[in-house]
Amino acid sequence: MDRKTEIRLIKEVLALKDKGETQYHESTQTHPIERYVSDDWFKLEKERLFLNKPMFLGVANEVPNVGDYQAVEWINGLSLLMVRGADNQIRVFANACRHRSARLVENGQSGCKKRFSCPYHAWTYNTEGELVGAPEFESGFSDLDKKKLGLVEFNTRVVNGAVFIHLNPDEQVPENVVSPETASGFKYLDLEKQRVYKRRSYILKSNWKILSEGGIEAYHYNVAHRNTLAPFFLGNLSTWESWGGRDMRMILPKKPMLEAKNMPEEQWDMRQFANVFYTMAPTMALLAQPDNISIIKMVPLSPGETRLEEVLLVDAPKDGSDDWSEDELKMHETNYNLVHKILSEDWVLGETIQANMESGAVKEIHFGRFESALTWFHDQYEKELGLTDNKVAKIG
């Protein structure tokens, strides 16, 4: 987001507020609940969304130093190992030994290593994924070529600090994996310089789309978040933009934005006036607040279960040292817990929604005209699945 765009977006929000409006779609939209509960729908999602298209995995500074690694449970039971190599490049491997497919490190584990040794038979790999050691290899595996037994590597691309991966090892991540506007947004958020403060991971009994939907509409703020977000935001007012692809930026304005009318434009600051929310299809989001950024990673496990990971990104210590001051730590810890508290208000609702859908009590759901980003989300979702209206009706 460049400065010109920032000013334009603030003006658009102020104009909508003056008219007592928000961003509307031309009509409402209705969907059957099968897309949230059906095994057939979930199978199609895995085939066409998760396994055969590039996806946002995280940020490069989750592994900031040579040898740093992060093991992640991903789609379809796949365990990934993101590593910064000795050449300072980010690589992503299948977290599976080439001998008998044991995991090299446990899911969720992170740290720093020069070598990754399999806990089963000690086959050992370097940070570039090469097999560099295996007990009695020459006598036991004399007809195998050690050079061809490196870790399975997935193609990746780093865009202004954001890491994208293609889970089909034969496919590249294209240069235009995100729109120029989203790439500019990564620069605006200064992703390349952010540091990981903390992360948490847990499983929710909800379809990933229900959880995604809660982040891209403000209609629920005054009810679901009446004691947390609602006192600080402008109710059911939001604006969003997409650029013909799989990513979107939403502006969720706070009450201080109204003060912009009495300030010179050079003092306008979107991060102070609003939460900025970027989504990267199909399941990842960045929530930018004034002094932190939350990565919200959703890993669909089944139609009714999703692994959620929250990662809080913050600025480096202001004094230039390696450690945050006591005041900085107190602020980061407060934000870390506050973000989780607010998200949890949505997650509790998401689990009850999923339970009701699975009960069959309600057969369809509806999106209002002021929930226009939800309409975009599902239009894009159907497009990504390669569906027509007739085919949609037949699935599940």
Protein backbone atom coordinates (compact mmCIF):
# COMPACT_ATOMS: atom_id res chain seq x y z
CA MET A 1 0.00 0.00 0.00
CA ASP A 2 1.61 3.25 -1.10
CA ARG A 3 0.85 6.63 0.43
CA LYS A 4 -1.55 7.60 -2.36
CA THR A 5 -3.59 4.43 -1.76
CA GLU A 6 -3.58 4.98 2.00
CA ILE A 7 -5.04 8.49 1.60
CA ARG A 8 -7.63 7.28 -0.92
CA LEU A 9 -8.84 4.48 1.35
CA ILE A 10 -9.21 6.80 4.33
CA LYS A 11 -11.24 9.23 2.23
CA GLU A 12 -13.49 6.40 1.02
CA VAL A 13 -14.24 5.30 4.58
CA LEU A 14 -15.00 8.88 5.66
CA ALA A 15 -17.35 9.35 2.70
CA LEU A 16 -19.24 6.15 3.53
CA LYS A 17 -19.52 7.19 7.16
CA ASP A 18 -20.93 10.59 6.16
CA LYS A 19 -23.61 8.81 4.10
CA GLY A 20 -24.35 6.26 6.81
CA GLU A 21 -23.42 3.44 4.47
CA THR A 22 -20.88 0.67 4.03
CA GLN A 23 -19.62 -1.24 1.00
CA TYR A 24 -22.59 -3.03 -0.55
CA HIS A 25 -22.98 -5.90 -2.99
CA GLU A 26 -25.73 -5.64 -5.58
CA SER A 27 -27.68 -8.54 -4.04
CA THR A 28 -27.78 -11.07 -1.24
CA GLN A 29 -26.34 -14.56 -1.67
CA THR A 30 -27.55 -17.97 -0.46
CA HIS A 31 -25.58 -21.21 -0.18
CA PRO A 32 -26.46 -24.75 0.89
CA ILE A 33 -24.60 -25.98 3.97
CA GLU A 34 -23.12 -28.97 2.10
CA ARG A 35 -19.97 -27.00 1.27
CA TYR A 36 -19.24 -26.82 5.01
CA VAL A 37 -20.02 -30.42 6.01
CA SER A 38 -19.65 -32.68 2.99
CA ASP A 39 -16.73 -35.09 2.63
CA ASP A 40 -17.11 -34.77 -1.15
CA TRP A 41 -16.70 -31.00 -0.99
CA PHE A 42 -13.66 -31.34 1.25
CA LYS A 43 -12.07 -33.88 -1.09
CA LEU A 44 -12.55 -31.47 -3.99
CA GLU A 45 -11.03 -28.63 -1.95
CA LYS A 46 -7.94 -30.69 -1.19
CA GLU A 47 -7.50 -31.64 -4.83
CA ARG A 48 -8.09 -28.22 -6.38
CA LEU A 49 -7.28 -25.64 -3.70
CA PHE A 50 -4.71 -27.01 -1.29
CA LEU A 51 -2.60 -29.55 -3.18
CA ASN A 52 -2.52 -28.07 -6.67
CA LYS A 53 -2.23 -24.32 -6.18
CA PRO A 54 0.44 -22.16 -4.49
CA MET A 55 -0.28 -21.23 -0.87
CA PHE A 56 0.99 -18.77 1.70
CA LEU A 57 3.01 -20.65 4.34
CA GLY A 58 4.32 -17.91 6.63
CA VAL A 59 6.97 -15.22 6.78
CA ALA A 60 10.70 -15.62 6.21
CA ASN A 61 11.52 -14.20 9.63
CA GLU A 62 9.89 -17.18 11.29
CA VAL A 63 13.30 -18.70 10.51
CA PRO A 64 15.49 -15.57 10.68
CA ASN A 65 18.97 -17.10 11.05
CA VAL A 66 20.98 -19.75 9.21
CA GLY A 67 19.90 -23.18 10.50
CA ASP A 68 16.62 -21.94 11.95
CA TYR A 69 13.71 -24.27 11.24
CA GLN A 70 9.99 -24.62 11.83
CA ALA A 71 8.09 -27.91 11.51
CA VAL A 72 4.47 -27.47 10.48
CA GLU A 73 1.55 -29.87 10.20
CA TRP A 74 -0.05 -29.08 6.86
CA ILE A 75 -2.80 -30.24 4.55
CA ASN A 76 -3.55 -33.96 4.12
CA GLY A 77 -1.36 -35.00 7.06
CA LEU A 78 1.73 -33.61 5.35
CA SER A 79 4.47 -32.42 7.71
CA LEU A 80 6.61 -29.56 6.36
CA LEU A 81 10.03 -28.38 7.43
CA MET A 82 10.84 -24.74 6.65
CA VAL A 83 14.58 -24.11 6.96
CA ARG A 84 16.98 -21.22 6.35
CA GLY A 85 19.99 -22.78 4.68
CA ALA A 86 23.69 -22.02 4.95
CA ASP A 87 23.30 -19.87 1.81
CA ASN A 88 20.61 -17.82 3.65
CA GLN A 89 17.86 -19.15 1.37
CA ILE A 90 14.46 -20.34 2.62
CA ARG A 91 13.65 -23.92 1.66
CA VAL A 92 10.65 -26.09 2.48
CA PHE A 93 10.98 -29.86 2.65
CA ALA A 94 8.74 -32.77 3.44
CA ASN A 95 9.55 -33.53 7.08
CA ALA A 96 10.21 -37.15 6.15
CA CYS A 97 13.39 -39.20 6.04
CA ARG A 98 14.05 -40.76 2.65
CA HIS A 99 14.88 -44.11 4.28
CA ARG A 100 11.58 -45.15 5.91
CA SER A 101 9.68 -41.81 6.00
CA ALA A 102 10.05 -41.08 9.72
CA ARG A 103 9.69 -37.45 10.77
CA LEU A 104 12.97 -35.69 11.39
CA VAL A 105 11.45 -33.34 13.99
CA GLU A 106 8.05 -33.22 15.64
CA ASN A 107 5.29 -31.00 14.30
CA GLY A 108 5.29 -27.61 15.98
CA GLN A 109 8.97 -27.87 16.90
CA SER A 110 11.33 -25.03 16.05
CA GLY A 111 14.93 -24.17 16.77
CA CYS A 112 18.32 -24.04 15.07
CA LYS A 113 20.27 -26.99 13.64
CA LYS A 114 23.12 -27.55 11.22
CA ARG A 115 22.02 -31.14 10.71
CA PHE A 116 18.69 -32.98 10.86
CA SER A 117 19.13 -36.57 12.00
CA CYS A 118 16.33 -39.11 11.71
CA PRO A 119 15.37 -40.55 15.13
CA TYR A 120 14.83 -44.00 13.58
CA HIS A 121 18.13 -44.90 11.87
CA ALA A 122 20.12 -41.63 12.01
CA TRP A 123 20.06 -40.77 8.33
CA THR A 124 21.25 -37.17 8.48
CA TYR A 125 20.58 -34.16 6.26
CA ASN A 126 22.06 -30.67 6.03
CA THR A 127 20.10 -27.40 5.85
CA GLU A 128 20.00 -27.70 2.06
CA GLY A 129 18.26 -31.08 2.35
CA GLU A 130 21.21 -33.17 1.17
CA LEU A 131 21.80 -36.61 2.69
CA VAL A 132 25.18 -36.19 4.36
CA GLY A 133 25.34 -39.28 6.55
CA ALA A 134 23.76 -42.69 7.06
CA PRO A 135 25.17 -45.53 9.21
CA GLU A 136 26.69 -48.33 7.12
CA PHE A 137 25.22 -46.85 3.95
CA GLU A 138 27.94 -48.19 1.65
CA SER A 139 27.42 -51.80 2.73
CA GLY A 140 23.66 -51.77 3.27
CA PHE A 141 22.56 -49.56 0.36
CA SER A 142 25.39 -50.02 -2.12
CA ASP A 143 23.06 -49.94 -5.12
CA LEU A 144 21.52 -46.56 -4.16
CA ASP A 145 22.90 -43.11 -5.02
CA LYS A 146 23.19 -40.98 -1.87
CA LYS A 147 23.01 -37.82 -4.00
CA LYS A 148 19.49 -38.77 -5.11
CA LEU A 149 18.22 -39.33 -1.57
CA GLY A 150 17.96 -35.75 -0.36
CA LEU A 151 14.80 -34.52 1.31
CA VAL A 152 11.78 -33.98 -0.92
CA GLU A 153 11.79 -30.24 -1.59
CA PHE A 154 8.81 -28.12 -2.54
CA ASN A 155 9.17 -25.07 -4.73
CA THR A 156 8.91 -21.80 -2.85
CA ARG A 157 8.99 -18.09 -3.51
CA VAL A 158 9.56 -15.27 -1.03
CA VAL A 159 7.67 -12.06 -1.81
CA ASN A 160 8.71 -9.10 0.34
CA GLY A 161 9.13 -11.37 3.36
CA ALA A 162 6.11 -13.64 2.73
CA VAL A 163 6.81 -17.31 1.91
CA PHE A 164 4.69 -19.15 -0.65
CA ILE A 165 4.84 -22.86 -1.42
CA HIS A 166 3.47 -25.24 -4.06
CA LEU A 167 2.69 -28.68 -2.65
CA ASN A 168 3.09 -30.28 -6.07
CA PRO A 169 6.89 -30.76 -6.28
CA ASP A 170 6.67 -30.53 -10.07
CA GLU A 171 5.07 -27.08 -10.02
CA GLN A 172 6.74 -23.70 -9.58
CA VAL A 173 5.37 -20.82 -7.51
CA PRO A 174 4.73 -18.15 -10.16
CA GLU A 175 6.17 -14.65 -9.93
CA ASN A 176 2.64 -13.23 -9.78
CA VAL A 177 1.55 -15.52 -6.94
CA VAL A 178 0.00 -12.43 -5.33
CA SER A 179 -1.15 -9.19 -6.89
CA PRO A 180 1.20 -6.19 -7.03
CA GLU A 181 -1.11 -4.50 -4.51
CA THR A 182 -0.70 -7.31 -1.98
CA ALA A 183 3.06 -7.43 -2.55
CA SER A 184 3.08 -3.69 -1.87
CA GLY A 185 1.07 -4.41 1.28
CA PHE A 186 3.82 -6.72 2.53
CA LYS A 187 6.25 -3.82 2.15
CA TYR A 188 3.82 -1.47 3.88
CA LEU A 189 3.70 -3.90 6.81
CA ASP A 190 7.50 -4.21 6.73
CA LEU A 191 7.27 -8.01 6.93
CA GLU A 192 10.96 -8.48 6.20
CA LYS A 193 11.92 -6.76 9.46
CA GLN A 194 9.24 -8.13 11.78
CA ARG A 195 10.14 -10.56 14.54
CA VAL A 196 8.14 -13.46 15.93
CA TYR A 197 7.10 -12.77 19.52
CA LYS A 198 5.08 -15.92 20.25
CA ARG A 199 2.85 -18.47 18.57
CA ARG A 200 0.07 -20.79 19.66
CA SER A 201 -1.64 -23.71 17.92
CA TYR A 202 -4.92 -25.49 18.59
CA ILE A 203 -7.68 -27.45 16.84
CA LEU A 204 -11.22 -26.14 16.35
CA LYS A 205 -14.29 -28.18 15.51
CA SER A 206 -15.27 -25.98 12.60
CA ASN A 207 -14.94 -25.85 8.84
CA TRP A 208 -12.13 -23.57 7.67
CA LYS A 209 -14.53 -21.41 5.63
CA ILE A 210 -16.63 -20.54 8.69
CA LEU A 211 -13.48 -19.35 10.44
CA SER A 212 -12.34 -17.39 7.39
CA GLU A 213 -15.70 -15.66 7.03
CA GLY A 214 -15.56 -14.19 10.53
CA GLY A 215 -12.55 -12.08 9.60
CA ILE A 216 -14.01 -10.37 6.54
CA GLU A 217 -17.21 -8.73 7.76
CA ALA A 218 -17.93 -6.20 10.48
CA TYR A 219 -21.67 -6.92 10.76
CA HIS A 220 -21.06 -9.05 13.86
CA TYR A 221 -18.85 -6.58 15.75
CA ASN A 222 -21.56 -4.90 17.82
CA VAL A 223 -22.93 -8.26 18.94
CA ALA A 224 -20.20 -10.92 19.04
CA HIS A 225 -17.52 -8.45 20.18
CA ARG A 226 -19.66 -6.04 22.17
CA ASN A 227 -17.19 -5.84 25.06
CA THR A 228 -13.92 -6.12 23.13
CA LEU A 229 -13.90 -4.64 19.62
CA ALA A 230 -17.22 -2.84 19.43
CA PRO A 231 -16.35 0.13 21.70
CA PHE A 232 -13.43 1.04 19.45
CA PHE A 233 -14.76 0.45 15.94
CA LEU A 234 -17.31 2.10 13.64
CA GLY A 235 -19.85 -0.71 13.76
CA ASN A 236 -20.90 -2.32 10.47
CA LEU A 237 -18.53 -0.27 8.34
CA SER A 238 -15.71 -1.72 6.26
CA THR A 239 -14.23 -1.48 2.80
CA TRP A 240 -12.33 -4.07 0.80
CA GLU A 241 -10.59 -4.54 -2.50
CA SER A 242 -9.50 -7.51 -4.58
CA TRP A 243 -7.58 -7.41 -7.83
CA GLY A 244 -8.92 -10.28 -9.84
CA GLY A 245 -6.97 -12.93 -7.97
CA ARG A 246 -6.91 -14.93 -4.77
CA ASP A 247 -5.98 -12.15 -2.33
CA MET A 248 -7.88 -9.29 -0.76
CA ARG A 249 -7.33 -6.28 1.52
CA MET A 250 -9.99 -5.13 3.98
CA ILE A 251 -10.06 -1.90 5.99
CA LEU A 252 -11.84 -2.11 9.37
CA PRO A 253 -12.03 1.50 10.60
CA LYS A 254 -11.83 2.53 14.24
CA LYS A 255 -13.37 5.61 15.83
CA PRO A 256 -10.10 7.63 15.67
CA MET A 257 -10.52 7.69 11.89
CA LEU A 258 -13.23 10.31 12.35
CA GLU A 259 -10.57 12.65 13.71
CA ALA A 260 -8.90 12.66 10.32
CA LYS A 261 -11.33 15.32 9.16
CA ASN A 262 -9.66 17.78 11.52
CA MET A 263 -6.09 16.77 10.69
CA PRO A 264 -3.86 17.60 7.72
CA GLU A 265 -3.50 14.68 5.34
CA GLU A 266 0.22 14.35 6.02
CA GLN A 267 -0.67 13.22 9.55
CA TRP A 268 -3.10 10.54 8.43
CA ASP A 269 -1.96 7.06 9.45
CA MET A 270 -4.03 4.03 8.46
CA ARG A 271 -2.44 1.77 11.09
CA GLN A 272 -3.68 4.19 13.78
CA PHE A 273 -7.10 4.65 12.19
CA ALA A 274 -8.02 1.06 11.30
CA ASN A 275 -7.15 -2.59 11.36
CA VAL A 276 -5.83 -3.68 7.97
CA PHE A 277 -6.66 -7.26 7.03
CA TYR A 278 -5.00 -9.12 4.14
CA THR A 279 -6.23 -12.56 3.06
CA MET A 280 -4.18 -14.93 0.91
CA ALA A 281 -6.36 -17.68 -0.50
CA PRO A 282 -7.42 -20.03 0.55
CA THR A 283 -6.73 -20.13 4.30
CA MET A 284 -4.22 -17.49 5.44
CA ALA A 285 -4.55 -13.95 6.74
CA LEU A 286 -2.52 -11.06 8.12
CA LEU A 287 -4.18 -8.78 10.68
CA ALA A 288 -2.26 -5.51 11.09
CA GLN A 289 -2.81 -3.36 14.18
CA PRO A 290 -0.85 -0.25 15.19
CA ASP A 291 2.07 -2.08 16.83
CA ASN A 292 1.78 -5.73 15.81
CA ILE A 293 0.76 -8.09 13.03
CA SER A 294 -1.00 -11.40 13.57
CA ILE A 295 -0.54 -14.22 11.10
CA ILE A 296 -3.64 -16.40 11.19
CA LYS A 297 -2.90 -19.80 9.64
CA MET A 298 -5.74 -22.25 9.05
CA VAL A 299 -4.92 -25.85 8.16
CA PRO A 300 -8.07 -27.79 7.22
CA LEU A 301 -8.00 -31.29 8.71
CA SER A 302 -11.50 -32.47 7.75
CA PRO A 303 -14.84 -30.88 6.83
CA GLY A 304 -15.45 -30.16 10.51
CA GLU A 305 -11.96 -29.67 11.95
CA THR A 306 -9.31 -27.00 11.41
CA ARG A 307 -5.91 -26.49 12.99
CA LEU A 308 -5.43 -22.83 13.88
CA GLU A 309 -2.06 -21.23 14.41
CA GLU A 310 -1.61 -17.64 15.58
CA VAL A 311 1.79 -15.99 15.19
CA LEU A 312 2.33 -12.50 16.62
CA LEU A 313 4.86 -10.37 14.71
CA VAL A 314 6.30 -7.24 16.31
CA ASP A 315 9.04 -4.70 15.66
CA ALA A 316 12.62 -5.37 16.73
CA PRO A 317 13.66 -3.88 20.09
CA LYS A 318 13.74 -0.09 19.83
CA ASP A 319 17.17 0.18 21.46
CA GLY A 320 18.75 -1.99 18.77
CA SER A 321 19.57 -4.86 21.14
CA ASP A 322 18.54 -8.51 20.77
CA ASP A 323 16.03 -8.39 23.64
CA TRP A 324 12.88 -6.38 24.16
CA SER A 325 12.66 -4.09 27.18
CA GLU A 326 10.33 -4.87 30.07
CA ASP A 327 7.83 -2.30 28.78
CA GLU A 328 7.98 -3.75 25.27
CA LEU A 329 7.52 -7.29 26.58
CA LYS A 330 4.53 -6.20 28.64
CA MET A 331 2.93 -4.57 25.58
CA HIS A 332 3.61 -7.57 23.34
CA GLU A 333 2.22 -10.03 25.91
CA THR A 334 -0.92 -7.91 26.34
CA ASN A 335 -1.46 -7.81 22.58
CA TYR A 336 -0.74 -11.52 22.21
CA ASN A 337 -3.44 -12.41 24.72
CA LEU A 338 -5.90 -9.76 23.53
CA VAL A 339 -5.78 -10.93 19.92
CA HIS A 340 -6.41 -14.49 21.06
CA LYS A 341 -9.32 -13.41 23.26
CA ILE A 342 -11.00 -11.58 20.38
CA LEU A 343 -10.39 -14.38 17.89
CA SER A 344 -11.74 -16.89 20.39
CA GLU A 345 -15.05 -15.03 20.46
CA ASP A 346 -15.36 -15.89 16.77
CA TRP A 347 -14.05 -19.42 17.19
CA VAL A 348 -16.67 -20.30 19.86
CA LEU A 349 -19.38 -19.16 17.48
CA GLY A 350 -17.73 -21.04 14.61
CA GLU A 351 -17.90 -24.32 16.50
CA THR A 352 -21.60 -23.86 17.31
CA ILE A 353 -22.31 -22.95 13.67
CA GLN A 354 -20.55 -26.12 12.53
CA ALA A 355 -22.49 -28.26 15.00
CA ASN A 356 -25.80 -26.81 13.83
CA MET A 357 -24.87 -27.33 10.19
CA GLU A 358 -23.93 -30.95 10.83
CA SER A 359 -27.23 -31.52 12.63
CA GLY A 360 -29.11 -30.73 9.43
CA ALA A 361 -31.49 -28.37 11.21
CA VAL A 362 -30.80 -25.56 8.74
CA LYS A 363 -30.28 -26.27 5.07
CA GLU A 364 -28.80 -22.99 3.83
CA ILE A 365 -27.09 -19.76 4.87
CA HIS A 366 -27.37 -16.18 3.62
CA PHE A 367 -24.98 -13.28 3.10
CA GLY A 368 -26.37 -9.75 3.26
CA ARG A 369 -25.54 -6.96 0.82
CA PHE A 370 -23.26 -5.38 3.44
CA GLU A 371 -21.42 -8.71 3.78
CA SER A 372 -20.08 -8.17 0.28
CA ALA A 373 -16.61 -9.58 1.01
CA LEU A 374 -18.26 -12.92 1.87
CA THR A 375 -19.93 -12.90 -1.53
CA TRP A 376 -16.55 -12.24 -3.15
CA PHE A 377 -14.97 -15.02 -1.06
CA HIS A 378 -17.47 -17.64 -2.20
CA ASP A 379 -17.54 -16.47 -5.81
CA GLN A 380 -13.75 -16.82 -5.88
CA TYR A 381 -13.95 -20.13 -4.03
CA GLU A 382 -16.27 -21.60 -6.65
CA LYS A 383 -14.07 -20.25 -9.42
CA GLU A 384 -10.97 -21.82 -7.86
CA LEU A 385 -12.80 -25.15 -7.63
CA GLY A 386 -13.72 -24.86 -11.31
CA LEU A 387 -17.44 -25.13 -10.66
CA THR A 388 -20.51 -23.98 -12.56
CA ASP A 389 -23.87 -23.42 -10.89
CA ASN A 390 -25.11 -26.80 -12.11
CA LYS A 391 -22.07 -28.63 -10.82
CA VAL A 392 -22.30 -26.89 -7.44
CA ALA A 393 -25.75 -28.32 -6.89
CA LYS A 394 -24.54 -31.88 -7.55
CA ILE A 395 -21.61 -31.99 -5.13
CA GLY A 396 -22.26 -33.73 -1.83
